[in-house]
Amino acid sequence: MSILLTEFDPAPAIIEPASLIAPMDGFPRVAVGPFSGDLFHSIQQMPGVRQLTQIGCANGKTPVLSVPYQGVEIAVFLAPVGASCCVGALEELHALGAQSFLTFGSCGVLNRSIQDGGLILPTSAFRDEGTSYHYAPPADEIDLDPRGVALLTQCAERLSLPYCCGKVWTTDAFYRETPGKMARRKAAGAIAVEMECAALAACAAFRGFSFATFLYSADNLDAAAWDKRGLSRQGVHIRDQVLGLAFEAALALDSLIR
């Protein structure tokens, strides 16, 4: 039986981002995308923040901010939840001028020993979604850029933030994370589940821009019954830690570009 997702085609698309979006003069080199609306709102309140432009889709528009941090202008956008829409946002921001990306958001853990709010640095991802197969040949997993992993590791250690590294499970059907699938992904080495990592890594490799991501643990799937833990808090309870890591990592990404 033929499966459509095996039809990877590296040819230019009928609609390329540059066909719709012109580069913006002075657009920041690095773009940071929190998935949490509450954390994005916190960033909007920071001193010196201004709006650069908007991105969005038929659901509506969201602002793209310019945030001054230690003398560097960093673009900040609200990363859309879900692989397809989030990849679209990165494509458009890349067309505007961003050369490096950092995203961060919550995840479910497949290892109960990872504490609520614990930092996770993904090293590779299971491709249990559809978007990545349009950016990379078919395979079960994709590695993240080791330079991004090393950069985040160095920043976390400099800030004295505990973290763990490991494989994650990217799925686009959060209501279909069955016990059997969870057990198989855990047995294969995954320590967390989320919705975008594999697709963003594939897009970055295809387009040739740098990408790094980190997660903070929320709900626990490694239990007899689902444990919601800190899922509803959307990272606000660890705001200072995650924003500190995000902006320090953005500075490091910017220095790599220069």
Foldseek 3Di string as FASTA:
>chain_A
DDDVLQPADLDDDPDALLVPAAADPPQFQEEEEEQFPVLVVVQVPDPPKDFDAWDDDPVDIWTWIFHDDPNGTYTYTHQHAAAPRNLVVVRNSVNRPHQEYEYEWEWAWLDVVQDAFAKEWEQKEAPAERQLSRLDRDDRMDGADVVQSVLLVVLCVVVVGDHYYWYEYAHRCVVPCDPVNSVVVVVVTHTTYGHHVSNNRSSCVRVVGHYTYMYTYAWYPNDPDTGRHHVVVTCPVVSVVVVSSRVSSSVVSSVVVD
